[in-house]
Amino acid sequence: MSVPKGLASNKKRRELAEKAIDKKAALGEDIDIGAYSAGAVEHSYQKEPSNLTSEDKGRMVEVGVTLDDLSQRGGTFIQMDHSVVHSSSSHEGLEVMSITEALKAYGWLE
């Protein structure tokens, strides 16, 4: 499948990003990319989000996310760092999944 016109390939995007690493900010402070790491803890998938640790649930509440009565929602998607921790739908015909899963399931999305 070809990449739609106007969208750079992943390789091209990576090349452009690498060229921009040392570019000075036009406005505001410069960001030291070296201060960040690409590594992240892997989190296991939870069929039942209620099985998340109380610490993780507490962090979710701090940003306005609760796990109360999931049946009242169309769907739920929880991602921690790079890991999809939970995805579910409570309505027939509605699919809730990561972009990676969606691209595998539906090739036309690319």
PDB file of N, CA and C in Angstrom:
ATOM      1  N   MET A   1       0.846  -1.176   0.000  1.00  0.00           N
ATOM      2  CA  MET A   1       0.000   0.000   0.000  1.00  0.00           C
ATOM      3  C   MET A   1       0.892   1.240   0.000  1.00  0.00           C
ATOM      4  N   SER A   2       0.561   2.200  -0.806  1.00  0.00           N
ATOM      5  CA  SER A   2       1.388   3.400  -0.885  1.00  0.00           C
ATOM      6  C   SER A   2       0.990   4.408   0.183  1.00  0.00           C
ATOM      7  N   VAL A   3       1.943   5.235   0.523  1.00  0.00           N
ATOM      8  CA  VAL A   3       1.712   6.281   1.522  1.00  0.00           C
ATOM      9  C   VAL A   3       0.955   7.406   0.831  1.00  0.00           C
ATOM     10  N   PRO A   4      -0.150   7.883   1.432  1.00  0.00           N
ATOM     11  CA  PRO A   4      -0.913   8.961   0.815  1.00  0.00           C
ATOM     12  C   PRO A   4      -0.039  10.190   0.560  1.00  0.00           C
ATOM     13  N   LYS A   5      -0.322  10.856  -0.563  1.00  0.00           N
ATOM     14  CA  LYS A   5       0.428  12.056  -0.918  1.00  0.00           C
ATOM     15  C   LYS A   5       0.349  13.074   0.219  1.00  0.00           C
ATOM     16  N   GLY A   6       1.463  13.705   0.522  1.00  0.00           N
ATOM     17  CA  GLY A   6       1.504  14.707   1.574  1.00  0.00           C
ATOM     18  C   GLY A   6       1.947  14.142   2.917  1.00  0.00           C
ATOM     19  N   LEU A   7       1.925  12.828   3.064  1.00  0.00           N
ATOM     20  CA  LEU A   7       2.378  12.215   4.314  1.00  0.00           C
ATOM     21  C   LEU A   7       3.749  11.613   4.090  1.00  0.00           C
ATOM     22  N   ALA A   8       4.697  12.000   4.908  1.00  0.00           N
ATOM     23  CA  ALA A   8       6.055  11.468   4.794  1.00  0.00           C
ATOM     24  C   ALA A   8       6.083  10.045   5.316  1.00  0.00           C
ATOM     25  N   SER A   9       6.957   9.250   4.764  1.00  0.00           N
ATOM     26  CA  SER A   9       7.130   7.893   5.269  1.00  0.00           C
ATOM     27  C   SER A   9       7.764   7.956   6.650  1.00  0.00           C
ATOM     28  N   ASN A  10       7.705   6.844   7.378  1.00  0.00           N
ATOM     29  CA  ASN A  10       8.330   6.804   8.708  1.00  0.00           C
ATOM     30  C   ASN A  10       9.806   7.135   8.614  1.00  0.00           C
ATOM     31  N   LYS A  11      10.476   6.645   7.585  1.00  0.00           N
ATOM     32  CA  LYS A  11      11.906   6.907   7.407  1.00  0.00           C
ATOM     33  C   LYS A  11      12.142   8.409   7.224  1.00  0.00           C
ATOM     34  N   LYS A  12      11.341   9.030   6.414  1.00  0.00           N
ATOM     35  CA  LYS A  12      11.481  10.464   6.150  1.00  0.00           C
ATOM     36  C   LYS A  12      11.203  11.276   7.426  1.00  0.00           C
ATOM     37  N   ARG A  13      10.154  10.871   8.168  1.00  0.00           N
ATOM     38  CA  ARG A  13       9.845  11.570   9.417  1.00  0.00           C
ATOM     39  C   ARG A  13      10.997  11.459  10.404  1.00  0.00           C
ATOM     40  N   ARG A  14      11.599  10.265  10.466  1.00  0.00           N
ATOM     41  CA  ARG A  14      12.725  10.059  11.379  1.00  0.00           C
ATOM     42  C   ARG A  14      13.904  10.950  10.975  1.00  0.00           C
ATOM     43  N   GLU A  15      14.179  11.025   9.668  1.00  0.00           N
ATOM     44  CA  GLU A  15      15.273  11.872   9.183  1.00  0.00           C
ATOM     45  C   GLU A  15      15.033  13.332   9.555  1.00  0.00           C
ATOM     46  N   LEU A  16      13.805  13.789   9.367  1.00  0.00           N
ATOM     47  CA  LEU A  16      13.479  15.185   9.697  1.00  0.00           C
ATOM     48  C   LEU A  16      13.618  15.430  11.200  1.00  0.00           C
ATOM     49  N   ALA A  17      13.175  14.470  12.022  1.00  0.00           N
ATOM     50  CA  ALA A  17      13.282  14.613  13.478  1.00  0.00           C
ATOM     51  C   ALA A  17      14.736  14.650  13.912  1.00  0.00           C
ATOM     52  N   GLU A  18      15.566  13.801  13.321  1.00  0.00           N
ATOM     53  CA  GLU A  18      16.986  13.776  13.693  1.00  0.00           C
ATOM     54  C   GLU A  18      17.677  15.085  13.325  1.00  0.00           C
ATOM     55  N   LYS A  19      17.280  15.690  12.220  1.00  0.00           N
ATOM     56  CA  LYS A  19      17.863  16.977  11.823  1.00  0.00           C
ATOM     57  C   LYS A  19      17.444  18.088  12.785  1.00  0.00           C
ATOM     58  N   ALA A  20      16.273  17.933  13.387  1.00  0.00           N
ATOM     59  CA  ALA A  20      15.736  18.989  14.254  1.00  0.00           C
ATOM     60  C   ALA A  20      16.209  18.886  15.704  1.00  0.00           C
ATOM     61  N   ILE A  21      16.909  17.818  16.055  1.00  0.00           N
ATOM     62  CA  ILE A  21      17.308  17.609  17.455  1.00  0.00           C
ATOM     63  C   ILE A  21      18.094  18.790  18.012  1.00  0.00           C
ATOM     64  N   ASP A  22      19.020  19.335  17.261  1.00  0.00           N
ATOM     65  CA  ASP A  22      19.864  20.424  17.757  1.00  0.00           C
ATOM     66  C   ASP A  22      19.349  21.808  17.358  1.00  0.00           C
ATOM     67  N   LYS A  23      18.177  21.862  16.753  1.00  0.00           N
ATOM     68  CA  LYS A  23      17.603  23.132  16.317  1.00  0.00           C
ATOM     69  C   LYS A  23      17.188  23.966  17.530  1.00  0.00           C
ATOM     70  N   LYS A  24      17.531  25.230  17.523  1.00  0.00           N
ATOM     71  CA  LYS A  24      17.173  26.136  18.617  1.00  0.00           C
ATOM     72  C   LYS A  24      15.698  26.510  18.505  1.00  0.00           C
ATOM     73  N   ALA A  25      15.066  26.676  19.662  1.00  0.00           N
ATOM     74  CA  ALA A  25      13.653  27.036  19.692  1.00  0.00           C
ATOM     75  C   ALA A  25      13.450  28.450  19.171  1.00  0.00           C
ATOM     76  N   ALA A  26      12.434  28.628  18.339  1.00  0.00           N
ATOM     77  CA  ALA A  26      12.109  29.957  17.827  1.00  0.00           C
ATOM     78  C   ALA A  26      11.528  30.819  18.946  1.00  0.00           C
ATOM     79  N   LEU A  27      10.783  30.206  19.840  1.00  0.00           N
ATOM     80  CA  LEU A  27      10.176  30.897  20.978  1.00  0.00           C
ATOM     81  C   LEU A  27      10.389  30.061  22.233  1.00  0.00           C
ATOM     82  N   GLY A  28      10.550  30.673  23.343  1.00  0.00           N
ATOM     83  CA  GLY A  28      10.670  29.952  24.602  1.00  0.00           C
ATOM     84  C   GLY A  28      12.018  29.288  24.787  1.00  0.00           C
ATOM     85  N   GLU A  29      12.077  28.442  25.823  1.00  0.00           N
ATOM     86  CA  GLU A  29      13.326  27.779  26.171  1.00  0.00           C
ATOM     87  C   GLU A  29      13.605  26.597  25.246  1.00  0.00           C
ATOM     88  N   ASP A  30      14.905  26.323  25.048  1.00  0.00           N
ATOM     89  CA  ASP A  30      15.291  25.128  24.317  1.00  0.00           C
ATOM     90  C   ASP A  30      15.059  23.907  25.206  1.00  0.00           C
ATOM     91  N   ILE A  31      14.781  22.784  24.588  1.00  0.00           N
ATOM     92  CA  ILE A  31      14.564  21.541  25.324  1.00  0.00           C
ATOM     93  C   ILE A  31      15.764  20.637  25.107  1.00  0.00           C
ATOM     94  N   ASP A  32      16.308  20.122  26.201  1.00  0.00           N
ATOM     95  CA  ASP A  32      17.431  19.194  26.122  1.00  0.00           C
ATOM     96  C   ASP A  32      16.872  17.788  25.951  1.00  0.00           C
ATOM     97  N   ILE A  33      16.837  17.302  24.709  1.00  0.00           N
ATOM     98  CA  ILE A  33      16.294  15.978  24.408  1.00  0.00           C
ATOM     99  C   ILE A  33      17.060  14.891  25.163  1.00  0.00           C
ATOM    100  N   GLY A  34      18.353  15.112  25.387  1.00  0.00           N
ATOM    101  CA  GLY A  34      19.180  14.138  26.084  1.00  0.00           C
ATOM    102  C   GLY A  34      18.760  13.895  27.522  1.00  0.00           C
ATOM    103  N   ALA A  35      17.946  14.786  28.072  1.00  0.00           N
ATOM    104  CA  ALA A  35      17.493  14.631  29.456  1.00  0.00           C
ATOM    105  C   ALA A  35      16.359  13.612  29.575  1.00  0.00           C
ATOM    106  N   TYR A  36      15.844  13.138  28.445  1.00  0.00           N
ATOM    107  CA  TYR A  36      14.729  12.200  28.443  1.00  0.00           C
ATOM    108  C   TYR A  36      15.209  10.826  28.010  1.00  0.00           C
ATOM    109  N   SER A  37      14.527   9.799  28.488  1.00  0.00           N
ATOM    110  CA  SER A  37      14.875   8.440  28.076  1.00  0.00           C
ATOM    111  C   SER A  37      13.726   7.842  27.280  1.00  0.00           C
ATOM    112  N   ALA A  38      14.068   6.947  26.389  1.00  0.00           N
ATOM    113  CA  ALA A  38      13.051   6.272  25.587  1.00  0.00           C
ATOM    114  C   ALA A  38      12.535   5.032  26.306  1.00  0.00           C
ATOM    115  N   GLY A  39      13.221   4.625  27.353  1.00  0.00           N
ATOM    116  CA  GLY A  39      12.826   3.425  28.079  1.00  0.00           C
ATOM    117  C   GLY A  39      11.616   3.668  28.950  1.00  0.00           C
ATOM    118  N   ALA A  40      10.824   2.644  29.107  1.00  0.00           N
ATOM    119  CA  ALA A  40       9.654   2.730  29.971  1.00  0.00           C
ATOM    120  C   ALA A  40       9.364   1.345  30.521  1.00  0.00           C
ATOM    121  N   VAL A  41       8.739   1.318  31.670  1.00  0.00           N
ATOM    122  CA  VAL A  41       8.354   0.058  32.286  1.00  0.00           C
ATOM    123  C   VAL A  41       7.237  -0.568  31.461  1.00  0.00           C
ATOM    124  N   GLU A  42       7.326  -1.866  31.238  1.00  0.00           N
ATOM    125  CA  GLU A  42       6.244  -2.579  30.562  1.00  0.00           C
ATOM    126  C   GLU A  42       5.161  -2.897  31.591  1.00  0.00           C
ATOM    127  N   HIS A  43       3.933  -2.634  31.243  1.00  0.00           N
ATOM    128  CA  HIS A  43       2.809  -2.919  32.118  1.00  0.00           C
ATOM    129  C   HIS A  43       1.983  -4.039  31.499  1.00  0.00           C
ATOM    130  N   SER A  44       1.516  -4.955  32.303  1.00  0.00           N
ATOM    131  CA  SER A  44       0.756  -6.082  31.774  1.00  0.00           C
ATOM    132  C   SER A  44      -0.700  -5.682  31.511  1.00  0.00           C
ATOM    133  N   TYR A  45      -1.297  -6.370  30.538  1.00  0.00           N
ATOM    134  CA  TYR A  45      -2.697  -6.134  30.189  1.00  0.00           C
ATOM    135  C   TYR A  45      -3.592  -6.629  31.318  1.00  0.00           C
ATOM    136  N   GLN A  46      -4.620  -5.869  31.611  1.00  0.00           N
ATOM    137  CA  GLN A  46      -5.574  -6.235  32.658  1.00  0.00           C
ATOM    138  C   GLN A  46      -6.954  -6.407  32.020  1.00  0.00           C
ATOM    139  N   LYS A  47      -7.448  -7.650  32.019  1.00  0.00           N
ATOM    140  CA  LYS A  47      -8.792  -7.873  31.486  1.00  0.00           C
ATOM    141  C   LYS A  47      -9.812  -7.076  32.286  1.00  0.00           C
ATOM    142  N   GLU A  48      -9.587  -7.002  33.586  1.00  0.00           N
ATOM    143  CA  GLU A  48     -10.433  -6.210  34.481  1.00  0.00           C
ATOM    144  C   GLU A  48      -9.623  -5.031  35.005  1.00  0.00           C
ATOM    145  N   PRO A  49      -9.922  -3.807  34.577  1.00  0.00           N
ATOM    146  CA  PRO A  49      -9.142  -2.654  35.046  1.00  0.00           C
ATOM    147  C   PRO A  49      -9.218  -2.452  36.550  1.00  0.00           C
ATOM    148  N   SER A  50     -10.205  -3.040  37.199  1.00  0.00           N
ATOM    149  CA  SER A  50     -10.285  -2.940  38.656  1.00  0.00           C
ATOM    150  C   SER A  50      -9.110  -3.653  39.325  1.00  0.00           C
ATOM    151  N   ASN A  51      -8.389  -4.491  38.567  1.00  0.00           N
ATOM    152  CA  ASN A  51      -7.217  -5.191  39.103  1.00  0.00           C
ATOM    153  C   ASN A  51      -5.956  -4.325  39.113  1.00  0.00           C
ATOM    154  N   LEU A  52      -6.041  -3.103  38.612  1.00  0.00           N
ATOM    155  CA  LEU A  52      -4.889  -2.205  38.667  1.00  0.00           C
ATOM    156  C   LEU A  52      -4.550  -1.917  40.120  1.00  0.00           C
ATOM    157  N   THR A  53      -3.312  -1.577  40.371  1.00  0.00           N
ATOM    158  CA  THR A  53      -2.905  -1.289  41.749  1.00  0.00           C
ATOM    159  C   THR A  53      -3.607  -0.034  42.259  1.00  0.00           C
ATOM    160  N   SER A  54      -3.725   0.067  43.561  1.00  0.00           N
ATOM    161  CA  SER A  54      -4.364   1.255  44.145  1.00  0.00           C
ATOM    162  C   SER A  54      -3.559   2.506  43.805  1.00  0.00           C
ATOM    163  N   GLU A  55      -2.237   2.369  43.686  1.00  0.00           N
ATOM    164  CA  GLU A  55      -1.387   3.506  43.301  1.00  0.00           C
ATOM    165  C   GLU A  55      -1.742   3.972  41.884  1.00  0.00           C
ATOM    166  N   ASP A  56      -1.876   3.036  40.951  1.00  0.00           N
ATOM    167  CA  ASP A  56      -2.231   3.400  39.573  1.00  0.00           C
ATOM    168  C   ASP A  56      -3.630   4.013  39.511  1.00  0.00           C
ATOM    169  N   LYS A  57      -4.571   3.435  40.239  1.00  0.00           N
ATOM    170  CA  LYS A  57      -5.927   3.991  40.277  1.00  0.00           C
ATOM    171  C   LYS A  57      -5.909   5.400  40.853  1.00  0.00           C
ATOM    172  N   GLY A  58      -5.081   5.624  41.876  1.00  0.00           N
ATOM    173  CA  GLY A  58      -4.971   6.954  42.474  1.00  0.00           C
ATOM    174  C   GLY A  58      -4.451   7.978  41.480  1.00  0.00           C
ATOM    175  N   ARG A  59      -3.454   7.581  40.684  1.00  0.00           N
ATOM    176  CA  ARG A  59      -2.932   8.495  39.651  1.00  0.00           C
ATOM    177  C   ARG A  59      -4.006   8.811  38.620  1.00  0.00           C
ATOM    178  N   MET A  60      -4.802   7.800  38.269  1.00  0.00           N
ATOM    179  CA  MET A  60      -5.872   8.026  37.296  1.00  0.00           C
ATOM    180  C   MET A  60      -6.890   9.024  37.830  1.00  0.00           C
ATOM    181  N   VAL A  61      -7.263   8.880  39.093  1.00  0.00           N
ATOM    182  CA  VAL A  61      -8.223   9.809  39.703  1.00  0.00           C
ATOM    183  C   VAL A  61      -7.660  11.228  39.699  1.00  0.00           C
ATOM    184  N   GLU A  62      -6.359  11.371  39.927  1.00  0.00           N
ATOM    185  CA  GLU A  62      -5.731  12.697  39.944  1.00  0.00           C
ATOM    186  C   GLU A  62      -5.891  13.432  38.615  1.00  0.00           C
ATOM    187  N   VAL A  63      -6.027  12.698  37.516  1.00  0.00           N
ATOM    188  CA  VAL A  63      -6.197  13.340  36.213  1.00  0.00           C
ATOM    189  C   VAL A  63      -7.636  13.226  35.700  1.00  0.00           C
ATOM    190  N   GLY A  64      -8.549  12.834  36.594  1.00  0.00           N
ATOM    191  CA  GLY A  64      -9.968  12.845  36.257  1.00  0.00           C
ATOM    192  C   GLY A  64     -10.501  11.569  35.644  1.00  0.00           C
ATOM    193  N   VAL A  65      -9.784  10.465  35.763  1.00  0.00           N
ATOM    194  CA  VAL A  65     -10.245   9.198  35.205  1.00  0.00           C
ATOM    195  C   VAL A  65     -10.652   8.277  36.353  1.00  0.00           C
ATOM    196  N   THR A  66     -11.869   7.776  36.305  1.00  0.00           N
ATOM    197  CA  THR A  66     -12.326   6.824  37.315  1.00  0.00           C
ATOM    198  C   THR A  66     -12.707   5.521  36.625  1.00  0.00           C
ATOM    199  N   LEU A  67     -12.685   4.453  37.381  1.00  0.00           N
ATOM    200  CA  LEU A  67     -13.063   3.150  36.862  1.00  0.00           C
ATOM    201  C   LEU A  67     -14.444   2.741  37.356  1.00  0.00           C
ATOM    202  N   ASP A  68     -15.219   3.728  37.818  1.00  0.00           N
ATOM    203  CA  ASP A  68     -16.564   3.453  38.311  1.00  0.00           C
ATOM    204  C   ASP A  68     -17.495   3.078  37.166  1.00  0.00           C
ATOM    205  N   ASP A  69     -18.235   2.004  37.334  1.00  0.00           N
ATOM    206  CA  ASP A  69     -19.301   1.563  36.428  1.00  0.00           C
ATOM    207  C   ASP A  69     -18.942   1.716  34.946  1.00  0.00           C
ATOM    208  N   LEU A  70     -18.035   0.876  34.482  1.00  0.00           N
ATOM    209  CA  LEU A  70     -17.589   0.925  33.087  1.00  0.00           C
ATOM    210  C   LEU A  70     -18.720   0.641  32.102  1.00  0.00           C
ATOM    211  N   SER A  71     -19.788  -0.014  32.556  1.00  0.00           N
ATOM    212  CA  SER A  71     -20.900  -0.329  31.655  1.00  0.00           C
ATOM    213  C   SER A  71     -21.636   0.929  31.196  1.00  0.00           C
ATOM    214  N   GLN A  72     -21.443   2.036  31.904  1.00  0.00           N
ATOM    215  CA  GLN A  72     -22.101   3.288  31.536  1.00  0.00           C
ATOM    216  C   GLN A  72     -21.341   4.056  30.459  1.00  0.00           C
ATOM    217  N   ARG A  73     -20.211   3.497  30.003  1.00  0.00           N
ATOM    218  CA  ARG A  73     -19.400   4.159  28.974  1.00  0.00           C
ATOM    219  C   ARG A  73     -19.509   3.385  27.663  1.00  0.00           C
ATOM    220  N   GLY A  74     -19.243   4.084  26.577  1.00  0.00           N
ATOM    221  CA  GLY A  74     -19.193   3.404  25.289  1.00  0.00           C
ATOM    222  C   GLY A  74     -17.989   2.496  25.207  1.00  0.00           C
ATOM    223  N   GLY A  75     -16.895   2.944  25.770  1.00  0.00           N
ATOM    224  CA  GLY A  75     -15.679   2.149  25.743  1.00  0.00           C
ATOM    225  C   GLY A  75     -14.660   2.688  26.717  1.00  0.00           C
ATOM    226  N   THR A  76     -13.655   1.874  26.968  1.00  0.00           N
ATOM    227  CA  THR A  76     -12.587   2.248  27.888  1.00  0.00           C
ATOM    228  C   THR A  76     -11.253   1.886  27.260  1.00  0.00           C
ATOM    229  N   PHE A  77     -10.285   2.800  27.336  1.00  0.00           N
ATOM    230  CA  PHE A  77      -8.937   2.553  26.838  1.00  0.00           C
ATOM    231  C   PHE A  77      -7.971   3.117  27.861  1.00  0.00           C
ATOM    232  N   ILE A  78      -7.093   2.266  28.366  1.00  0.00           N
ATOM    233  CA  ILE A  78      -6.105   2.706  29.355  1.00  0.00           C
ATOM    234  C   ILE A  78      -4.722   2.351  28.838  1.00  0.00           C
ATOM    235  N   GLN A  79      -3.870   3.358  28.751  1.00  0.00           N
ATOM    236  CA  GLN A  79      -2.485   3.155  28.333  1.00  0.00           C
ATOM    237  C   GLN A  79      -1.583   3.748  29.397  1.00  0.00           C
ATOM    238  N   MET A  80      -0.575   2.965  29.774  1.00  0.00           N
ATOM    239  CA  MET A  80       0.412   3.440  30.742  1.00  0.00           C
ATOM    240  C   MET A  80       1.773   3.325  30.073  1.00  0.00           C
ATOM    241  N   ASP A  81       2.486   4.433  29.995  1.00  0.00           N
ATOM    242  CA  ASP A  81       3.753   4.489  29.271  1.00  0.00           C
ATOM    243  C   ASP A  81       3.504   3.994  27.849  1.00  0.00           C
ATOM    244  N   HIS A  82       4.190   2.940  27.432  1.00  0.00           N
ATOM    245  CA  HIS A  82       4.025   2.421  26.074  1.00  0.00           C
ATOM    246  C   HIS A  82       3.067   1.239  26.015  1.00  0.00           C
ATOM    247  N   SER A  83       2.493   0.863  27.140  1.00  0.00           N
ATOM    248  CA  SER A  83       1.706  -0.368  27.224  1.00  0.00           C
ATOM    249  C   SER A  83       0.204  -0.091  27.250  1.00  0.00           C
ATOM    250  N   VAL A  84      -0.527  -0.819  26.403  1.00  0.00           N
ATOM    251  CA  VAL A  84      -1.982  -0.790  26.498  1.00  0.00           C
ATOM    252  C   VAL A  84      -2.337  -1.706  27.664  1.00  0.00           C
ATOM    253  N   VAL A  85      -2.940  -1.143  28.683  1.00  0.00           N
ATOM    254  CA  VAL A  85      -3.252  -1.881  29.902  1.00  0.00           C
ATOM    255  C   VAL A  85      -4.665  -2.451  29.849  1.00  0.00           C
ATOM    256  N   HIS A  86      -5.557  -1.774  29.142  1.00  0.00           N
ATOM    257  CA  HIS A  86      -6.930  -2.271  29.029  1.00  0.00           C
ATOM    258  C   HIS A  86      -7.621  -1.568  27.871  1.00  0.00           C
ATOM    259  N   SER A  87      -8.427  -2.318  27.143  1.00  0.00           N
ATOM    260  CA  SER A  87      -9.326  -1.728  26.155  1.00  0.00           C
ATOM    261  C   SER A  87     -10.572  -2.594  26.079  1.00  0.00           C
ATOM    262  N   SER A  88     -11.718  -1.954  26.076  1.00  0.00           N
ATOM    263  CA  SER A  88     -12.974  -2.692  26.020  1.00  0.00           C
ATOM    264  C   SER A  88     -14.082  -1.791  25.488  1.00  0.00           C
ATOM    265  N   SER A  89     -15.132  -2.423  25.028  1.00  0.00           N
ATOM    266  CA  SER A  89     -16.306  -1.717  24.542  1.00  0.00           C
ATOM    267  C   SER A  89     -17.535  -2.298  25.209  1.00  0.00           C
ATOM    268  N   SER A  90     -18.489  -1.460  25.536  1.00  0.00           N
ATOM    269  CA  SER A  90     -19.727  -1.953  26.132  1.00  0.00           C
ATOM    270  C   SER A  90     -20.902  -1.856  25.158  1.00  0.00           C
ATOM    271  N   HIS A  91     -20.607  -1.476  23.910  1.00  0.00           N
ATOM    272  CA  HIS A  91     -21.651  -1.369  22.893  1.00  0.00           C
ATOM    273  C   HIS A  91     -21.301  -2.235  21.698  1.00  0.00           C
ATOM    274  N   GLU A  92     -22.253  -3.005  21.247  1.00  0.00           N
ATOM    275  CA  GLU A  92     -22.038  -3.852  20.080  1.00  0.00           C
ATOM    276  C   GLU A  92     -21.710  -2.979  18.870  1.00  0.00           C
ATOM    277  N   GLY A  93     -20.689  -3.383  18.127  1.00  0.00           N
ATOM    278  CA  GLY A  93     -20.292  -2.648  16.936  1.00  0.00           C
ATOM    279  C   GLY A  93     -19.226  -1.594  17.181  1.00  0.00           C
ATOM    280  N   LEU A  94     -18.949  -1.275  18.433  1.00  0.00           N
ATOM    281  CA  LEU A  94     -17.910  -0.304  18.774  1.00  0.00           C
ATOM    282  C   LEU A  94     -16.644  -1.057  19.148  1.00  0.00           C
ATOM    283  N   GLU A  95     -15.555  -0.740  18.484  1.00  0.00           N
ATOM    284  CA  GLU A  95     -14.276  -1.364  18.789  1.00  0.00           C
ATOM    285  C   GLU A  95     -13.353  -0.333  19.412  1.00  0.00           C
ATOM    286  N   VAL A  96     -12.697  -0.707  20.486  1.00  0.00           N
ATOM    287  CA  VAL A  96     -11.744   0.163  21.167  1.00  0.00           C
ATOM    288  C   VAL A  96     -10.424  -0.577  21.182  1.00  0.00           C
ATOM    289  N   MET A  97      -9.399   0.015  20.516  1.00  0.00           N
ATOM    290  CA  MET A  97      -8.108  -0.651  20.405  1.00  0.00           C
ATOM    291  C   MET A  97      -7.016   0.369  20.164  1.00  0.00           C
ATOM    292  N   SER A  98      -5.779  -0.082  20.298  1.00  0.00           N
ATOM    293  CA  SER A  98      -4.644   0.793  20.034  1.00  0.00           C
ATOM    294  C   SER A  98      -4.522   1.043  18.530  1.00  0.00           C
ATOM    295  N   ILE A  99      -3.787   2.058  18.168  1.00  0.00           N
ATOM    296  CA  ILE A  99      -3.539   2.348  16.759  1.00  0.00           C
ATOM    297  C   ILE A  99      -2.813   1.177  16.110  1.00  0.00           C
ATOM    298  N   THR A 100      -1.863   0.582  16.823  1.00  0.00           N
ATOM    299  CA  THR A 100      -1.125  -0.563  16.295  1.00  0.00           C
ATOM    300  C   THR A 100      -2.078  -1.702  15.951  1.00  0.00           C
ATOM    301  N   GLU A 101      -2.990  -2.019  16.867  1.00  0.00           N
ATOM    302  CA  GLU A 101      -3.971  -3.081  16.613  1.00  0.00           C
ATOM    303  C   GLU A 101      -4.887  -2.713  15.449  1.00  0.00           C
ATOM    304  N   ALA A 102      -5.318  -1.459  15.406  1.00  0.00           N
ATOM    305  CA  ALA A 102      -6.223  -1.022  14.345  1.00  0.00           C
ATOM    306  C   ALA A 102      -5.557  -1.127  12.972  1.00  0.00           C
ATOM    307  N   LEU A 103      -4.272  -0.767  12.878  1.00  0.00           N
ATOM    308  CA  LEU A 103      -3.569  -0.868  11.601  1.00  0.00           C
ATOM    309  C   LEU A 103      -3.433  -2.322  11.157  1.00  0.00           C
ATOM    310  N   LYS A 104      -3.265  -3.235  12.119  1.00  0.00           N
ATOM    311  CA  LYS A 104      -3.191  -4.666  11.781  1.00  0.00           C
ATOM    312  C   LYS A 104      -4.546  -5.170  11.307  1.00  0.00           C
ATOM    313  N   ALA A 105      -5.597  -4.727  11.978  1.00  0.00           N
ATOM    314  CA  ALA A 105      -6.954  -5.206  11.671  1.00  0.00           C
ATOM    315  C   ALA A 105      -7.514  -4.584  10.403  1.00  0.00           C
ATOM    316  N   TYR A 106      -7.165  -3.332  10.152  1.00  0.00           N
ATOM    317  CA  TYR A 106      -7.750  -2.586   9.041  1.00  0.00           C
ATOM    318  C   TYR A 106      -6.642  -1.905   8.232  1.00  0.00           C
ATOM    319  N   GLY A 107      -6.104  -2.618   7.257  1.00  0.00           N
ATOM    320  CA  GLY A 107      -5.007  -2.101   6.444  1.00  0.00           C
ATOM    321  C   GLY A 107      -5.288  -0.782   5.759  1.00  0.00           C
ATOM    322  N   TRP A 108      -6.547  -0.503   5.471  1.00  0.00           N
ATOM    323  CA  TRP A 108      -6.893   0.728   4.777  1.00  0.00           C
ATOM    324  C   TRP A 108      -6.704   1.978   5.637  1.00  0.00           C
ATOM    325  N   LEU A 109      -6.498   1.785   6.937  1.00  0.00           N
ATOM    326  CA  LEU A 109      -6.313   2.941   7.824  1.00  0.00           C
ATOM    327  C   LEU A 109      -5.021   3.718   7.552  1.00  0.00           C
ATOM    328  N   GLU A 110      -3.983   2.992   7.090  1.00  0.00           N
ATOM    329  CA  GLU A 110      -2.706   3.671   6.900  1.00  0.00           C
ATOM    330  C   GLU A 110      -2.854   4.829   5.948  1.00  0.00           C
TER     331      GLU A 110
END
